[in-house]
């Protein structure tokens, strides 16, 4: 929708201010400097869409970029209503199946749990003990980045938030924290994606 970015502020006053400001300026968005009067949406259409979004604020979220808006909702009726608006130029819909909270879908998980670590600095001795412990555990699989951190970056002691280990028993994490006082971000249950 032309000028849908004006809805970013969720204000009818701001819509009018931005449209008035843009009408006075001649923008070159990588094209001709010739003024294109057809590129701007009408104020009424933008206000109407804002009223619609305000009525549905609990069941949808709108994110915008210049002339493109992305509407996220769990309510199919909202999508049908928006698709019938004559001033919307193009609509593409996509549905997503969400996993339960605290789970992660993988094609073929070999472990039951995945534990992520918090971003933190650990001591060199703690890192060495942790690497020795993880390498001695056959049921623990460090993620690729974490394995690289443990084996190839011997002097680097900064754990990243994307570092993880896959494991089958929560007791392994307790033992890991006894070996090295590393902070845990979250543990997710791995489930098979169909």
Protein backbone atom coordinates (compact mmCIF):
# COMPACT_ATOMS: atom_id res chain seq x y z
CA UNK A 1 0.00 0.00 0.00
CA UNK A 2 1.49 3.38 -0.89
CA UNK A 3 2.90 5.24 2.15
CA UNK A 4 1.87 2.52 4.60
CA UNK A 5 4.99 3.42 6.61
CA UNK A 6 3.00 6.34 8.05
CA UNK A 7 1.12 3.79 10.20
CA UNK A 8 4.32 3.05 12.13
CA UNK A 9 3.45 5.70 14.71
CA UNK A 10 -0.18 4.55 15.16
CA UNK A 11 -1.34 8.17 15.08
CA UNK A 12 -3.84 9.86 12.79
CA UNK A 13 -2.15 13.21 13.37
CA UNK A 14 1.23 11.75 12.39
CA UNK A 15 -0.22 10.33 9.16
CA UNK A 16 -1.36 13.80 8.11
CA UNK A 17 1.93 15.40 9.17
CA UNK A 18 4.06 12.92 7.21
CA UNK A 19 1.91 13.12 4.08
CA UNK A 20 1.97 16.93 4.19
CA UNK A 21 5.75 16.94 4.68
CA UNK A 22 6.30 14.47 1.81
CA UNK A 23 4.04 16.47 -0.50
CA UNK A 24 6.41 19.45 -0.09
CA UNK A 25 9.54 17.42 -0.83
CA UNK A 26 10.75 15.80 -3.99
CA UNK A 27 12.31 12.43 -3.11
CA UNK A 28 14.63 10.44 -5.32
CA UNK A 29 14.36 6.84 -4.15
CA UNK A 30 16.98 5.66 -6.64
CA UNK A 31 15.01 6.71 -9.70
CA UNK A 32 14.01 9.84 -11.54
CA UNK A 33 13.85 13.23 -9.84
CA UNK A 34 10.59 13.87 -11.64
CA UNK A 35 7.73 14.11 -9.15
CA UNK A 36 5.42 11.09 -9.27
CA UNK A 37 2.06 12.20 -7.93
CA UNK A 38 0.51 8.73 -8.26
CA UNK A 39 2.85 7.08 -5.74
CA UNK A 40 1.18 8.53 -2.67
CA UNK A 41 -1.77 6.83 -1.01
CA UNK A 42 -4.75 8.82 -0.02
CA UNK A 43 -5.01 10.02 3.51
CA UNK A 44 -8.47 8.48 3.87
CA UNK A 45 -7.21 4.99 3.00
CA UNK A 46 -4.39 5.23 5.52
CA UNK A 47 -6.73 6.48 8.24
CA UNK A 48 -9.22 3.70 7.47
CA UNK A 49 -6.49 1.05 7.74
CA UNK A 50 -5.28 2.56 11.02
CA UNK A 51 -8.82 2.42 12.44
CA UNK A 52 -8.96 -1.23 11.41
CA UNK A 53 -5.59 -1.99 13.06
CA UNK A 54 -6.61 -0.15 16.24
CA UNK A 55 -9.78 -2.25 16.48
CA UNK A 56 -7.74 -5.46 16.11
CA UNK A 57 -4.74 -4.45 18.25
CA UNK A 58 -5.02 -7.57 20.44
CA UNK A 59 -5.20 -10.05 17.57
CA UNK A 60 -2.72 -8.65 15.03
CA UNK A 61 0.59 -6.86 14.60
CA UNK A 62 1.61 -4.63 11.70
CA UNK A 63 5.22 -3.96 10.75
CA UNK A 64 5.96 -1.57 7.90
CA UNK A 65 8.66 -0.55 5.43
CA UNK A 66 8.05 2.34 3.03
CA UNK A 67 5.23 0.93 0.82
CA UNK A 68 5.13 -2.62 2.27
CA UNK A 69 3.30 -3.77 5.37
CA UNK A 70 3.44 -7.15 7.07
CA UNK A 71 0.40 -8.15 9.11
CA UNK A 72 0.83 -10.97 11.64
CA UNK A 73 -2.25 -12.58 13.14
CA UNK A 74 -3.70 -15.86 14.36
CA UNK A 75 -7.17 -14.87 13.14
CA UNK A 76 -8.01 -15.88 9.56
CA UNK A 77 -10.97 -13.46 9.47
CA UNK A 78 -8.53 -10.53 9.78
CA UNK A 79 -6.63 -11.74 6.71
CA UNK A 80 -9.85 -12.12 4.70
CA UNK A 81 -11.02 -8.62 5.69
CA UNK A 82 -7.70 -6.99 4.76
CA UNK A 83 -7.55 -8.85 1.43
CA UNK A 84 -10.91 -7.31 0.45
CA UNK A 85 -9.72 -3.71 0.92
CA UNK A 86 -9.55 -2.13 -2.53
CA UNK A 87 -6.56 0.10 -1.79
CA UNK A 88 -4.25 -2.81 -0.89
CA UNK A 89 -2.17 -3.39 -4.02
CA UNK A 90 -0.86 -6.94 -3.52
CA UNK A 91 -1.40 -9.60 -0.89
CA UNK A 92 0.67 -12.67 -0.18
CA UNK A 93 -0.31 -14.94 2.67
CA UNK A 94 1.72 -17.52 4.50
CA UNK A 95 0.74 -19.72 7.42
CA UNK A 96 3.16 -21.11 9.96
CA UNK A 97 2.72 -23.97 12.40
CA UNK A 98 4.21 -23.01 15.73
CA UNK A 99 5.87 -25.45 18.09
CA UNK A 100 4.85 -25.63 21.73
CA UNK A 101 6.69 -23.33 24.13
CA UNK A 102 9.91 -24.86 25.40
CA UNK A 103 10.35 -27.14 22.39
CA UNK A 104 12.36 -27.10 19.19
CA UNK A 105 11.49 -29.06 16.05
CA UNK A 106 14.29 -30.90 14.24
CA UNK A 107 14.08 -33.30 11.29
CA UNK A 108 15.68 -36.19 13.15
CA UNK A 109 16.80 -35.34 16.69
CA UNK A 110 19.34 -37.72 18.22
CA UNK A 111 18.99 -36.25 21.70
CA UNK A 112 16.16 -35.27 24.02
CA UNK A 113 17.31 -31.78 25.13
CA UNK A 114 19.24 -28.79 23.80
CA UNK A 115 20.70 -26.39 26.35
CA UNK A 116 21.83 -22.88 25.36
CA UNK A 117 24.29 -20.84 27.40
CA UNK A 118 24.14 -17.17 28.31
CA UNK A 119 26.65 -14.75 26.82
CA UNK A 120 29.46 -14.63 29.37
CA UNK A 121 33.17 -14.67 29.98
CA UNK A 122 34.67 -17.71 31.69
CA UNK A 123 38.18 -18.31 33.01
CA UNK A 124 40.72 -20.29 30.96
CA UNK A 125 40.92 -23.04 33.62
CA UNK A 126 37.11 -23.36 33.67
CA UNK A 127 37.04 -23.63 29.88
CA UNK A 128 39.68 -26.36 29.94
CA UNK A 129 37.75 -28.36 32.57
CA UNK A 130 34.51 -27.89 30.64
CA UNK A 131 36.10 -29.04 27.34
CA UNK A 132 37.58 -32.09 29.08
CA UNK A 133 34.21 -32.96 30.65
CA UNK A 134 32.23 -32.56 27.40
CA UNK A 135 34.78 -34.59 25.41
CA UNK A 136 34.57 -37.43 27.95
CA UNK A 137 30.75 -37.64 27.75
CA UNK A 138 29.56 -39.78 24.85
CA UNK A 139 25.89 -38.79 25.28
CA UNK A 140 26.65 -35.05 24.99
CA UNK A 141 27.00 -33.36 21.61
CA UNK A 142 28.28 -29.78 21.54
CA UNK A 143 26.86 -27.58 18.79
CA UNK A 144 29.21 -26.77 15.90
CA UNK A 145 30.04 -23.26 17.13
CA UNK A 146 30.51 -24.42 20.71
CA UNK A 147 32.72 -27.33 19.60
CA UNK A 148 34.84 -24.92 17.57
CA UNK A 149 35.03 -22.62 20.62
CA UNK A 150 36.23 -25.51 22.80
CA UNK A 151 38.77 -27.01 20.40
CA UNK A 152 40.08 -24.35 18.02
CA UNK A 153 39.79 -21.12 20.00
CA UNK A 154 41.85 -22.17 23.00
CA UNK A 155 42.65 -18.65 24.25
CA UNK A 156 39.18 -17.21 23.59
CA UNK A 157 37.04 -17.41 26.75
CA UNK A 158 33.83 -15.63 25.76
CA UNK A 159 30.79 -17.93 25.50
CA UNK A 160 28.24 -16.76 22.93
CA UNK A 161 24.44 -16.97 23.28
CA UNK A 162 24.22 -19.33 20.28
CA UNK A 163 26.48 -21.95 21.90
CA UNK A 164 24.62 -25.10 22.93
CA UNK A 165 24.94 -28.76 23.84
CA UNK A 166 22.53 -31.59 22.99
CA UNK A 167 22.02 -34.20 25.71
CA UNK A 168 19.63 -36.88 26.94
CA UNK A 169 19.80 -36.39 30.70
CA UNK A 170 19.42 -33.16 32.71
CA UNK A 171 21.96 -34.54 35.19
CA UNK A 172 24.66 -33.84 32.61
CA UNK A 173 23.94 -30.10 32.88
CA UNK A 174 24.16 -30.27 36.68
CA UNK A 175 27.54 -32.01 36.39
CA UNK A 176 28.68 -29.45 33.80
CA UNK A 177 27.85 -26.62 36.19
CA UNK A 178 29.82 -28.35 38.95
CA UNK A 179 32.84 -28.60 36.65
CA UNK A 180 32.47 -25.02 35.37
CA UNK A 181 30.07 -22.41 36.79
CA UNK A 182 28.61 -21.59 33.37
CA UNK A 183 25.26 -19.78 33.22
CA UNK A 184 22.41 -21.49 31.38
CA UNK A 185 20.11 -19.45 29.15
CA UNK A 186 17.44 -22.08 28.45
CA UNK A 187 16.87 -25.77 27.85
CA UNK A 188 14.53 -26.87 25.07
CA UNK A 189 12.98 -30.27 24.48
CA UNK A 190 13.81 -31.56 21.00
CA UNK A 191 10.84 -32.99 19.10
CA UNK A 192 10.70 -34.65 15.68
CA UNK A 193 9.35 -32.50 12.86
CA UNK A 194 7.04 -34.40 10.53
